[in-house]
């Protein structure tokens, strides 16, 4: 099940052009394109006549012409021309239209009731336009698993000690206690680790030498947006209630999971940092390291999906699963409430 009344990332804005692009999200087939002025359009990818994918047609004056009999649909999904019966357009000749908006270099799509698609509900990226912050190009990865396994992973700071030994791991990540908080937007799992050396991924970015105070902030927001905040600051300057000092490094990884189906997820991400805003080399190194780490995650999560789907003995939970379980319960409740209103 999926939460429909929510904004999901459909892809990087640069990847949507004035050519037809077929995708499948939340088990729905969608065709994307841009009008001449660059305005994005997303429609159900099926002509109402015989359900030929509209992506097999062509764009004519900003509209989609079906490749079977020429039924033509505008960006709102309304049939505006029926060449075989030009004076009698079938009243039921229409397709579903999805609200889409460009923001943060990403194209966002609303999968539910279009009347509820308020742009202000798009996830807010703090400091995005701040010239003192730099960001990576980011990436996209298809993972053959249910999106909630990815969400679980992004609420689990402990896995880095075993899965990401050469990138995000570090002393204290395997045994320091975790704190779990429920928020109106989702769940946060976090901890401060004191007096340890920075992890390999961040060691070259910190502006001080020696051990540090380190924050692992793993947050999951509805419907499936992960915010992983890493803070590295000199020993004695970190901890609950402290404010950053000039030497403090803050990096935020934004992770957007869009379900393709119950068994496949498209994972988008980019990093945002408070240092070296215009250093292209740093951005490229960080992006390369993140992609390597997420490939490690993919191997694990594909195997987890298969193992849990075909288990022959019961599985168990650990204490570290508390945040993931809380998020799943909260999301399930939202989905049930949404479905009750629809039925």
Foldseek 3Di string as FASTA:
>chain_A
DADQQAKAFPWFLVVAEQAWDWAFFANFIWIWHAAPVRHIAIWGQAWPPHGHGLNVFGDDNQWGFRPPQGQIAHRQFDGDAGPVCRPCDDPPGGTHIWDWDDDLSTIMTRRDDPVSDDPVRPDDDPCSVPLLKAKAPWDKDKFQAALLLVLLVLLFQLCCCPLVQQAQHWPPSNDPDWDWDADPFFIKIKDKDAQTCGHNNCNVPFPDDHGWIWMFIWTAGPPGKIKTKIKTHHGPQDDPPHDDDPRIKIKIKIWGWTHSYRGMIMIIIMMMISHPRPPNVSSVSSNVSVVVSVVSVSVVRNVVRVCVVDPPDDDDDDPSSVRSVRRVVVNVVSNVVVVVVVD
